[in-house]
């Protein structure tokens, strides 16, 4: 459980406790039954999932997810670039071979001119 979320929970509980009871808690007995605070159960249910309870944690999780997606996208772009480089190289080879074929065909056909 993230420490930051736990501190946010405790801070919110303390703030609500202080606004609800004020300084009246100082004059109460030490027994836990004498100070009912029903909001505690609501907060504990709410904070079971730290990502949904704390906005900063939720944003951090979203950023981590976005970072992973960007890494995958960059990897696929790099892979596509390698494939394009291979295609360009094959195209250059084919162009050179066709020029050689043209020269050879021209040389071979030069002896047999038909008029």
Protein backbone atom coordinates (compact mmCIF):
# COMPACT_ATOMS: atom_id res chain seq x y z
CA UNK A 1 0.00 0.00 0.00
CA UNK A 2 1.55 3.36 -1.01
CA UNK A 3 2.63 5.50 1.93
CA UNK A 4 1.46 8.68 0.23
CA UNK A 5 -2.11 7.40 -0.01
CA UNK A 6 -2.06 6.32 3.63
CA UNK A 7 -0.97 9.82 4.69
CA UNK A 8 -3.70 11.38 2.55
CA UNK A 9 -6.25 9.10 4.23
CA UNK A 10 -5.02 10.01 7.70
CA UNK A 11 -4.98 13.72 6.89
CA UNK A 12 -8.54 13.64 5.57
CA UNK A 13 -9.72 11.67 8.58
CA UNK A 14 -8.04 14.11 10.95
CA UNK A 15 -9.53 17.12 9.16
CA UNK A 16 -13.04 15.68 9.21
CA UNK A 17 -12.67 14.57 12.82
CA UNK A 18 -11.53 18.04 13.83
CA UNK A 19 -14.32 19.80 11.94
CA UNK A 20 -16.97 17.37 13.24
CA UNK A 21 -15.97 17.21 16.90
CA UNK A 22 -13.79 20.29 17.32
CA UNK A 23 -12.07 20.38 20.71
CA UNK A 24 -14.82 18.39 22.40
CA UNK A 25 -12.74 15.23 22.08
CA UNK A 26 -10.31 16.57 24.71
CA UNK A 27 -12.93 16.31 27.44
CA UNK A 28 -14.05 12.77 26.53
CA UNK A 29 -12.97 9.61 28.29
CA UNK A 30 -10.18 7.44 26.91
CA UNK A 31 -12.60 4.65 25.94
CA UNK A 32 -12.91 4.09 22.19
CA UNK A 33 -16.68 3.58 22.48
CA UNK A 34 -17.22 7.13 23.70
CA UNK A 35 -16.21 8.80 20.42
CA UNK A 36 -18.31 7.47 17.56
CA UNK A 37 -16.89 8.33 14.17
CA UNK A 38 -18.94 6.59 11.44
CA UNK A 39 -17.00 8.19 8.57
CA UNK A 40 -14.03 5.96 9.31
CA UNK A 41 -15.65 2.92 7.70
CA UNK A 42 -16.57 4.98 4.62
CA UNK A 43 -12.98 6.16 4.24
CA UNK A 44 -11.60 2.65 4.67
CA UNK A 45 -13.92 1.35 1.95
CA UNK A 46 -13.03 4.26 -0.33
CA UNK A 47 -9.27 3.79 0.15
CA UNK A 48 -9.22 0.04 -0.57
CA UNK A 49 -8.14 0.93 -4.10
CA UNK A 50 -5.33 3.48 -3.75
CA UNK A 51 -5.35 4.45 -7.42
CA UNK A 52 -8.97 5.55 -7.38
CA UNK A 53 -8.78 7.25 -3.97
CA UNK A 54 -5.73 9.45 -4.55
CA UNK A 55 -5.62 11.68 -7.62
CA UNK A 56 -1.83 11.86 -7.77
CA UNK A 57 -1.51 8.06 -7.65
CA UNK A 58 -4.15 7.75 -10.36
CA UNK A 59 -2.32 10.26 -12.57
CA UNK A 60 0.97 8.44 -11.96
CA UNK A 61 -0.62 5.13 -13.02
CA UNK A 62 -2.01 6.79 -16.15
CA UNK A 63 1.44 8.21 -16.94
CA UNK A 64 3.06 4.80 -16.49
CA UNK A 65 0.50 3.24 -18.84
CA UNK A 66 1.04 5.99 -21.42
CA UNK A 67 4.81 5.52 -21.18
CA UNK A 68 4.44 1.80 -21.89
CA UNK A 69 2.24 2.51 -24.92
CA UNK A 70 4.77 5.05 -26.23
CA UNK A 71 7.62 2.57 -25.83
CA UNK A 72 5.68 -0.03 -27.82
CA UNK A 73 4.90 2.55 -30.52
CA UNK A 74 8.53 3.64 -30.78
CA UNK A 75 9.65 0.00 -31.03
CA UNK A 76 7.20 -0.67 -33.84
CA UNK A 77 8.30 2.51 -35.68
CA UNK A 78 11.95 1.45 -35.39
CA UNK A 79 11.07 -2.01 -36.65
CA UNK A 80 9.22 -0.47 -39.59
CA UNK A 81 12.28 1.69 -40.30
CA UNK A 82 14.48 -1.40 -40.47
CA UNK A 83 12.04 -2.99 -42.91
CA UNK A 84 12.04 0.18 -45.03
CA UNK A 85 15.84 0.20 -45.08
CA UNK A 86 15.80 -3.39 -46.27
CA UNK A 87 13.31 -2.52 -49.01
CA UNK A 88 15.43 0.43 -50.18
CA UNK A 89 18.50 -1.79 -50.31
CA UNK A 90 16.67 -4.45 -52.34
CA UNK A 91 15.33 -1.76 -54.67
CA UNK A 92 18.85 -0.41 -55.26
CA UNK A 93 20.12 -3.93 -55.99
CA UNK A 94 17.29 -4.50 -58.46
CA UNK A 95 18.02 -1.17 -60.16
CA UNK A 96 21.72 -2.05 -60.54
CA UNK A 97 20.86 -5.48 -61.95
CA UNK A 98 18.41 -4.01 -64.45
CA UNK A 99 21.05 -1.49 -65.65
CA UNK A 100 23.56 -4.33 -66.10
CA UNK A 101 20.96 -6.36 -67.99
CA UNK A 102 20.20 -3.37 -70.24
CA UNK A 103 23.89 -2.86 -71.02
CA UNK A 104 24.40 -6.56 -71.72
CA UNK A 105 21.31 -6.70 -73.94
CA UNK A 106 22.40 -3.58 -75.83
CA UNK A 107 25.90 -5.05 -76.36
CA UNK A 108 24.48 -8.38 -77.48
CA UNK A 109 21.95 -6.81 -79.84
CA UNK A 110 24.50 -4.39 -81.37
CA UNK A 111 25.93 -7.11 -83.61
CA UNK A 112 22.57 -8.03 -85.06
CA UNK A 113 21.12 -4.81 -86.43
CA UNK A 114 18.10 -5.41 -88.64
CA UNK A 115 17.20 -2.71 -91.13
